[in-house]
């Protein structure tokens, strides 16, 4: 049998290295669990946002179809008759067709056409004009 040996005292360097290794392993373990928790939480949030987006798309298509139905001339005419509004479609003489503005319209807007707008752009007092025009309306009377 072996003789009892005296135990050596613990060295400070050995203990501190062991404690440091245990702390490092614990920190890595906590970081791993925290990261997995974040991944799970973000996955749930992503799923919720995808569901919200698909619900918004469904609602948009439903509202688009409903708007098209409500704008249909047949439905409008039937509602007018149902509520007794007495509305009818305008005659061709009552309509005024306006052309779509093009490049000439943009040029007219960008360049000053009257003394008032020219004076406003330069900061000077506008020159008084004596001609007055009647206000323009869209409907013929």
C-alpha atoms as a PDB file:
ATOM      1  CA  UNK A   1       0.000   0.000   0.000  1.00  0.00           C
ATOM      2  CA  UNK A   2       0.971   3.492  -0.594  1.00  0.00           C
ATOM      3  CA  UNK A   3       1.775   5.841   2.132  1.00  0.00           C
ATOM      4  CA  UNK A   4      -0.467   8.771   2.779  1.00  0.00           C
ATOM      5  CA  UNK A   5       0.873  11.710   0.981  1.00  0.00           C
ATOM      6  CA  UNK A   6       0.408  15.175   2.171  1.00  0.00           C
ATOM      7  CA  UNK A   7      -2.013  17.105   0.119  1.00  0.00           C
ATOM      8  CA  UNK A   8      -0.628  20.128  -1.596  1.00  0.00           C
ATOM      9  CA  UNK A   9      -2.370  23.435  -0.948  1.00  0.00           C
ATOM     10  CA  UNK A  10      -4.478  24.895  -3.768  1.00  0.00           C
ATOM     11  CA  UNK A  11      -2.727  27.427  -5.841  1.00  0.00           C
ATOM     12  CA  UNK A  12      -4.410  30.756  -6.596  1.00  0.00           C
ATOM     13  CA  UNK A  13      -3.600  30.575 -10.314  1.00  0.00           C
ATOM     14  CA  UNK A  14      -5.204  27.169 -10.747  1.00  0.00           C
ATOM     15  CA  UNK A  15      -8.374  28.175  -8.896  1.00  0.00           C
ATOM     16  CA  UNK A  16      -8.717  31.437 -10.803  1.00  0.00           C
ATOM     17  CA  UNK A  17      -8.321  29.675 -14.166  1.00  0.00           C
ATOM     18  CA  UNK A  18     -10.965  27.119 -13.227  1.00  0.00           C
ATOM     19  CA  UNK A  19     -13.400  29.805 -12.077  1.00  0.00           C
ATOM     20  CA  UNK A  20     -12.738  31.830 -15.238  1.00  0.00           C
ATOM     21  CA  UNK A  21     -13.386  28.762 -17.438  1.00  0.00           C
ATOM     22  CA  UNK A  22     -16.673  28.046 -15.598  1.00  0.00           C
ATOM     23  CA  UNK A  23     -17.792  31.679 -15.983  1.00  0.00           C
ATOM     24  CA  UNK A  24     -16.966  31.623 -19.705  1.00  0.00           C
ATOM     25  CA  UNK A  25     -18.951  28.412 -20.214  1.00  0.00           C
ATOM     26  CA  UNK A  26     -21.903  29.891 -18.262  1.00  0.00           C
ATOM     27  CA  UNK A  27     -21.844  33.116 -20.328  1.00  0.00           C
ATOM     28  CA  UNK A  28     -21.775  31.164 -23.580  1.00  0.00           C
ATOM     29  CA  UNK A  29     -24.711  29.028 -22.381  1.00  0.00           C
ATOM     30  CA  UNK A  30     -26.796  32.060 -21.369  1.00  0.00           C
ATOM     31  CA  UNK A  31     -26.002  33.801 -24.689  1.00  0.00           C
ATOM     32  CA  UNK A  32     -27.077  30.683 -26.600  1.00  0.00           C
ATOM     33  CA  UNK A  33     -30.411  30.483 -24.756  1.00  0.00           C
ATOM     34  CA  UNK A  34     -31.021  34.227 -25.225  1.00  0.00           C
ATOM     35  CA  UNK A  35     -30.282  33.989 -28.947  1.00  0.00           C
ATOM     36  CA  UNK A  36     -32.646  31.029 -29.398  1.00  0.00           C
ATOM     37  CA  UNK A  37     -35.343  32.975 -27.546  1.00  0.00           C
ATOM     38  CA  UNK A  38     -34.829  35.976 -29.856  1.00  0.00           C
ATOM     39  CA  UNK A  39     -35.075  33.755 -32.937  1.00  0.00           C
ATOM     40  CA  UNK A  40     -38.341  32.264 -31.684  1.00  0.00           C
ATOM     41  CA  UNK A  41     -39.786  35.711 -30.843  1.00  0.00           C
ATOM     42  CA  UNK A  42     -38.799  37.192 -34.221  1.00  0.00           C
ATOM     43  CA  UNK A  43     -40.253  34.177 -36.031  1.00  0.00           C
ATOM     44  CA  UNK A  44     -43.598  34.748 -34.309  1.00  0.00           C
ATOM     45  CA  UNK A  45     -43.497  38.438 -35.167  1.00  0.00           C
ATOM     46  CA  UNK A  46     -42.683  37.659 -38.793  1.00  0.00           C
ATOM     47  CA  UNK A  47     -45.595  35.214 -38.996  1.00  0.00           C
ATOM     48  CA  UNK A  48     -47.953  37.841 -37.541  1.00  0.00           C
ATOM     49  CA  UNK A  49     -46.805  40.464 -40.053  1.00  0.00           C
ATOM     50  CA  UNK A  50     -47.210  38.030 -42.962  1.00  0.00           C
ATOM     51  CA  UNK A  51     -50.741  37.241 -41.791  1.00  0.00           C
ATOM     52  CA  UNK A  52     -51.523  40.964 -41.535  1.00  0.00           C
ATOM     53  CA  UNK A  53     -50.165  41.553 -45.051  1.00  0.00           C
ATOM     54  CA  UNK A  54     -52.213  38.714 -46.559  1.00  0.00           C
ATOM     55  CA  UNK A  55     -55.329  39.987 -44.742  1.00  0.00           C
ATOM     56  CA  UNK A  56     -54.685  43.470 -46.152  1.00  0.00           C
ATOM     57  CA  UNK A  57     -54.339  42.058 -49.674  1.00  0.00           C
ATOM     58  CA  UNK A  58     -57.613  40.131 -49.277  1.00  0.00           C
ATOM     59  CA  UNK A  59     -59.385  43.205 -47.956  1.00  0.00           C
ATOM     60  CA  UNK A  60     -58.020  45.350 -50.797  1.00  0.00           C
ATOM     61  CA  UNK A  61     -59.251  42.918 -53.461  1.00  0.00           C
ATOM     62  CA  UNK A  62     -62.643  42.706 -51.752  1.00  0.00           C
ATOM     63  CA  UNK A  63     -62.946  46.501 -51.558  1.00  0.00           C
ATOM     64  CA  UNK A  64     -61.834  46.881 -55.174  1.00  0.00           C
ATOM     65  CA  UNK A  65     -64.549  44.478 -56.297  1.00  0.00           C
ATOM     66  CA  UNK A  66     -67.113  46.246 -54.122  1.00  0.00           C
ATOM     67  CA  UNK A  67     -66.111  49.636 -55.537  1.00  0.00           C
ATOM     68  CA  UNK A  68     -66.406  48.339 -59.099  1.00  0.00           C
ATOM     69  CA  UNK A  69     -69.851  46.990 -58.301  1.00  0.00           C
ATOM     70  CA  UNK A  70     -70.989  50.256 -56.698  1.00  0.00           C
ATOM     71  CA  UNK A  71     -69.741  52.262 -59.688  1.00  0.00           C
ATOM     72  CA  UNK A  72     -71.574  50.126 -62.227  1.00  0.00           C
ATOM     73  CA  UNK A  73     -74.187  52.082 -64.194  1.00  0.00           C
ATOM     74  CA  UNK A  74     -76.792  49.348 -63.765  1.00  0.00           C
ATOM     75  CA  UNK A  75     -76.575  49.458 -59.967  1.00  0.00           C
ATOM     76  CA  UNK A  76     -76.595  53.253 -59.916  1.00  0.00           C
ATOM     77  CA  UNK A  77     -79.676  53.353 -62.117  1.00  0.00           C
ATOM     78  CA  UNK A  78     -81.498  50.772 -60.007  1.00  0.00           C
ATOM     79  CA  UNK A  79     -80.660  52.691 -56.805  1.00  0.00           C
ATOM     80  CA  UNK A  80     -81.943  55.925 -58.355  1.00  0.00           C
ATOM     81  CA  UNK A  81     -85.231  54.217 -59.210  1.00  0.00           C
ATOM     82  CA  UNK A  82     -85.383  52.486 -55.813  1.00  0.00           C
ATOM     83  CA  UNK A  83     -85.041  55.742 -53.877  1.00  0.00           C
ATOM     84  CA  UNK A  84     -87.078  57.793 -56.365  1.00  0.00           C
ATOM     85  CA  UNK A  85     -84.341  60.345 -57.007  1.00  0.00           C
ATOM     86  CA  UNK A  86     -85.372  61.065 -60.597  1.00  0.00           C
ATOM     87  CA  UNK A  87     -81.789  61.239 -61.811  1.00  0.00           C
ATOM     88  CA  UNK A  88     -81.035  60.536 -65.451  1.00  0.00           C
ATOM     89  CA  UNK A  89     -77.866  60.459 -67.524  1.00  0.00           C
ATOM     90  CA  UNK A  90     -76.868  63.878 -68.940  1.00  0.00           C
ATOM     91  CA  UNK A  91     -77.500  64.620 -72.592  1.00  0.00           C
ATOM     92  CA  UNK A  92     -74.565  65.173 -74.917  1.00  0.00           C
ATOM     93  CA  UNK A  93     -75.299  68.925 -75.108  1.00  0.00           C
ATOM     94  CA  UNK A  94     -74.977  69.173 -71.330  1.00  0.00           C
ATOM     95  CA  UNK A  95     -71.474  67.667 -71.262  1.00  0.00           C
ATOM     96  CA  UNK A  96     -68.234  69.576 -71.712  1.00  0.00           C
ATOM     97  CA  UNK A  97     -65.249  67.538 -72.806  1.00  0.00           C
ATOM     98  CA  UNK A  98     -61.908  68.760 -71.485  1.00  0.00           C
ATOM     99  CA  UNK A  99     -58.725  67.732 -73.287  1.00  0.00           C
ATOM    100  CA  UNK A 100     -55.970  66.089 -71.320  1.00  0.00           C
ATOM    101  CA  UNK A 101     -53.197  68.617 -70.575  1.00  0.00           C
ATOM    102  CA  UNK A 102     -50.003  67.882 -72.460  1.00  0.00           C
ATOM    103  CA  UNK A 103     -46.553  69.429 -72.875  1.00  0.00           C
ATOM    104  CA  UNK A 104     -48.002  72.723 -74.129  1.00  0.00           C
ATOM    105  CA  UNK A 105     -49.906  73.041 -70.854  1.00  0.00           C
ATOM    106  CA  UNK A 106     -46.703  72.559 -68.874  1.00  0.00           C
ATOM    107  CA  UNK A 107     -44.945  75.183 -70.977  1.00  0.00           C
ATOM    108  CA  UNK A 108     -47.798  77.621 -70.374  1.00  0.00           C
ATOM    109  CA  UNK A 109     -47.626  77.041 -66.629  1.00  0.00           C
ATOM    110  CA  UNK A 110     -43.838  77.358 -66.399  1.00  0.00           C
ATOM    111  CA  UNK A 111     -43.551  80.570 -68.423  1.00  0.00           C
ATOM    112  CA  UNK A 112     -45.295  83.725 -67.172  1.00  0.00           C
ATOM    113  CA  UNK A 113     -48.252  84.428 -69.423  1.00  0.00           C
ATOM    114  CA  UNK A 114     -49.631  87.610 -67.867  1.00  0.00           C
ATOM    115  CA  UNK A 115     -48.114  90.775 -66.416  1.00  0.00           C
ATOM    116  CA  UNK A 116     -49.446  89.822 -62.968  1.00  0.00           C
ATOM    117  CA  UNK A 117     -47.551  86.528 -62.857  1.00  0.00           C
ATOM    118  CA  UNK A 118     -44.417  88.153 -64.305  1.00  0.00           C
ATOM    119  CA  UNK A 119     -44.532  90.856 -61.648  1.00  0.00           C
ATOM    120  CA  UNK A 120     -45.101  88.275 -58.944  1.00  0.00           C
ATOM    121  CA  UNK A 121     -42.013  86.364 -60.087  1.00  0.00           C
ATOM    122  CA  UNK A 122     -39.816  89.498 -60.130  1.00  0.00           C
ATOM    123  CA  UNK A 123     -41.162  91.016 -56.933  1.00  0.00           C
ATOM    124  CA  UNK A 124     -42.407  94.207 -58.657  1.00  0.00           C
ATOM    125  CA  UNK A 125     -45.860  95.720 -58.381  1.00  0.00           C
ATOM    126  CA  UNK A 126     -48.306  94.215 -60.930  1.00  0.00           C
ATOM    127  CA  UNK A 127     -49.618  96.360 -63.761  1.00  0.00           C
ATOM    128  CA  UNK A 128     -53.374  96.893 -63.585  1.00  0.00           C
ATOM    129  CA  UNK A 129     -55.382  95.432 -66.470  1.00  0.00           C
ATOM    130  CA  UNK A 130     -58.730  96.832 -67.543  1.00  0.00           C
ATOM    131  CA  UNK A 131     -60.255  93.770 -69.176  1.00  0.00           C
ATOM    132  CA  UNK A 132     -62.345  91.498 -67.003  1.00  0.00           C
ATOM    133  CA  UNK A 133     -63.485  88.093 -68.100  1.00  0.00           C
ATOM    134  CA  UNK A 134     -66.466  86.174 -66.837  1.00  0.00           C
ATOM    135  CA  UNK A 135     -65.709  83.162 -64.660  1.00  0.00           C
ATOM    136  CA  UNK A 136     -65.472  79.950 -66.641  1.00  0.00           C
ATOM    137  CA  UNK A 137     -67.836  77.116 -65.801  1.00  0.00           C
ATOM    138  CA  UNK A 138     -67.797  73.502 -66.855  1.00  0.00           C
ATOM    139  CA  UNK A 139     -71.510  73.099 -67.495  1.00  0.00           C
ATOM    140  CA  UNK A 140     -73.352  74.856 -70.324  1.00  0.00           C
ATOM    141  CA  UNK A 141     -76.523  76.587 -69.356  1.00  0.00           C
END
